[in-house]
């Protein structure tokens, strides 16, 4: 019984990566090449970002953005004060 369980686990440990490899290789073998307009249209139909302006995207997508430029100059993106090093 124990030998059968060990054989099953070994077979499963070899079979799962093989199946994943086959699935991934099928997805990436023949990528569809499209122009930018077609790609944007398909992305929007699949629930893209919507009609946000580039400034809204850059301000909303930036993690930890600081509105005041003087604060931005004094601290890095992690909030570490650059003035402490001086």
C-alpha atoms as a PDB file:
ATOM      1  CA  UNK A   1       0.000   0.000   0.000  1.00  0.00           C
ATOM      2  CA  UNK A   2       2.767   2.448   0.917  1.00  0.00           C
ATOM      3  CA  UNK A   3       4.760   1.606  -2.224  1.00  0.00           C
ATOM      4  CA  UNK A   4       1.676   2.273  -4.338  1.00  0.00           C
ATOM      5  CA  UNK A   5       1.160   5.656  -2.704  1.00  0.00           C
ATOM      6  CA  UNK A   6       4.807   6.613  -3.237  1.00  0.00           C
ATOM      7  CA  UNK A   7       4.600   5.547  -6.886  1.00  0.00           C
ATOM      8  CA  UNK A   8       1.426   7.624  -7.308  1.00  0.00           C
ATOM      9  CA  UNK A   9       3.056  10.711  -5.784  1.00  0.00           C
ATOM     10  CA  UNK A  10       6.149  10.309  -7.994  1.00  0.00           C
ATOM     11  CA  UNK A  11       4.007   9.868 -11.096  1.00  0.00           C
ATOM     12  CA  UNK A  12       1.952  12.903 -10.164  1.00  0.00           C
ATOM     13  CA  UNK A  13       5.073  14.989  -9.498  1.00  0.00           C
ATOM     14  CA  UNK A  14       6.307  14.197 -13.013  1.00  0.00           C
ATOM     15  CA  UNK A  15       2.969  14.477 -14.767  1.00  0.00           C
ATOM     16  CA  UNK A  16       1.852  17.886 -13.431  1.00  0.00           C
ATOM     17  CA  UNK A  17       4.900  19.852 -14.697  1.00  0.00           C
ATOM     18  CA  UNK A  18       4.689  18.056 -18.041  1.00  0.00           C
ATOM     19  CA  UNK A  19       1.026  19.009 -18.474  1.00  0.00           C
ATOM     20  CA  UNK A  20       1.774  22.612 -17.484  1.00  0.00           C
ATOM     21  CA  UNK A  21       4.661  22.742 -19.955  1.00  0.00           C
ATOM     22  CA  UNK A  22       2.454  21.487 -22.795  1.00  0.00           C
ATOM     23  CA  UNK A  23      -0.316  23.964 -21.974  1.00  0.00           C
ATOM     24  CA  UNK A  24       2.083  26.914 -21.808  1.00  0.00           C
ATOM     25  CA  UNK A  25       3.913  25.953 -24.985  1.00  0.00           C
ATOM     26  CA  UNK A  26       0.593  25.708 -26.855  1.00  0.00           C
ATOM     27  CA  UNK A  27      -0.279  29.243 -25.733  1.00  0.00           C
ATOM     28  CA  UNK A  28       3.023  30.756 -26.817  1.00  0.00           C
ATOM     29  CA  UNK A  29       3.885  28.929 -30.058  1.00  0.00           C
ATOM     30  CA  UNK A  30       2.002  31.089 -32.580  1.00  0.00           C
ATOM     31  CA  UNK A  31       1.268  34.507 -31.093  1.00  0.00           C
ATOM     32  CA  UNK A  32      -1.130  36.668 -33.063  1.00  0.00           C
ATOM     33  CA  UNK A  33       0.623  39.812 -34.276  1.00  0.00           C
ATOM     34  CA  UNK A  34      -1.688  42.815 -34.510  1.00  0.00           C
ATOM     35  CA  UNK A  35      -1.238  46.534 -34.941  1.00  0.00           C
ATOM     36  CA  UNK A  36      -1.698  48.950 -32.052  1.00  0.00           C
ATOM     37  CA  UNK A  37      -5.245  50.007 -32.963  1.00  0.00           C
ATOM     38  CA  UNK A  38      -6.460  46.417 -33.113  1.00  0.00           C
ATOM     39  CA  UNK A  39      -4.736  45.561 -29.833  1.00  0.00           C
ATOM     40  CA  UNK A  40      -6.284  48.578 -28.083  1.00  0.00           C
ATOM     41  CA  UNK A  41      -9.726  47.725 -29.463  1.00  0.00           C
ATOM     42  CA  UNK A  42      -9.430  44.117 -28.243  1.00  0.00           C
ATOM     43  CA  UNK A  43      -8.195  45.264 -24.824  1.00  0.00           C
ATOM     44  CA  UNK A  44     -11.130  47.642 -24.469  1.00  0.00           C
ATOM     45  CA  UNK A  45     -13.589  44.910 -25.436  1.00  0.00           C
ATOM     46  CA  UNK A  46     -12.063  42.674 -22.760  1.00  0.00           C
ATOM     47  CA  UNK A  47     -12.523  45.334 -20.079  1.00  0.00           C
ATOM     48  CA  UNK A  48      -9.552  47.621 -20.550  1.00  0.00           C
ATOM     49  CA  UNK A  49      -8.754  50.690 -18.502  1.00  0.00           C
ATOM     50  CA  UNK A  50     -11.487  52.827 -19.989  1.00  0.00           C
ATOM     51  CA  UNK A  51     -11.143  56.357 -21.265  1.00  0.00           C
ATOM     52  CA  UNK A  52      -8.737  57.803 -18.714  1.00  0.00           C
ATOM     53  CA  UNK A  53      -6.331  60.498 -19.772  1.00  0.00           C
ATOM     54  CA  UNK A  54      -2.579  59.780 -19.607  1.00  0.00           C
ATOM     55  CA  UNK A  55      -2.142  62.190 -16.679  1.00  0.00           C
ATOM     56  CA  UNK A  56      -4.853  60.405 -14.692  1.00  0.00           C
ATOM     57  CA  UNK A  57      -3.192  57.064 -15.403  1.00  0.00           C
ATOM     58  CA  UNK A  58       0.253  58.181 -14.340  1.00  0.00           C
ATOM     59  CA  UNK A  59      -0.995  59.865 -11.146  1.00  0.00           C
ATOM     60  CA  UNK A  60      -3.306  57.026 -10.122  1.00  0.00           C
ATOM     61  CA  UNK A  61      -1.001  54.163 -11.055  1.00  0.00           C
ATOM     62  CA  UNK A  62       2.084  55.510  -9.290  1.00  0.00           C
ATOM     63  CA  UNK A  63       2.462  53.908  -5.881  1.00  0.00           C
ATOM     64  CA  UNK A  64       3.100  56.390  -3.139  1.00  0.00           C
ATOM     65  CA  UNK A  65       3.014  59.469  -5.329  1.00  0.00           C
ATOM     66  CA  UNK A  66       3.466  62.749  -3.523  1.00  0.00           C
ATOM     67  CA  UNK A  67       1.594  65.795  -4.800  1.00  0.00           C
ATOM     68  CA  UNK A  68       3.956  68.420  -3.392  1.00  0.00           C
ATOM     69  CA  UNK A  69       7.132  68.617  -5.495  1.00  0.00           C
ATOM     70  CA  UNK A  70       9.234  69.879  -2.579  1.00  0.00           C
ATOM     71  CA  UNK A  71       8.345  66.752  -0.607  1.00  0.00           C
ATOM     72  CA  UNK A  72       9.121  64.621  -3.632  1.00  0.00           C
ATOM     73  CA  UNK A  73      12.615  66.112  -3.800  1.00  0.00           C
ATOM     74  CA  UNK A  74      13.265  65.455  -0.113  1.00  0.00           C
ATOM     75  CA  UNK A  75      12.078  61.836   0.000  1.00  0.00           C
ATOM     76  CA  UNK A  76      12.447  58.878  -2.294  1.00  0.00           C
ATOM     77  CA  UNK A  77       9.603  56.617  -3.465  1.00  0.00           C
ATOM     78  CA  UNK A  78       9.792  54.583  -0.243  1.00  0.00           C
ATOM     79  CA  UNK A  79       9.371  57.661   1.916  1.00  0.00           C
ATOM     80  CA  UNK A  80      12.996  57.663   3.073  1.00  0.00           C
ATOM     81  CA  UNK A  81      14.220  61.182   3.712  1.00  0.00           C
ATOM     82  CA  UNK A  82      17.229  62.091   1.615  1.00  0.00           C
ATOM     83  CA  UNK A  83      18.058  64.907   4.014  1.00  0.00           C
ATOM     84  CA  UNK A  84      18.999  62.377   6.729  1.00  0.00           C
ATOM     85  CA  UNK A  85      22.018  61.288   4.673  1.00  0.00           C
ATOM     86  CA  UNK A  86      23.489  64.765   4.594  1.00  0.00           C
END
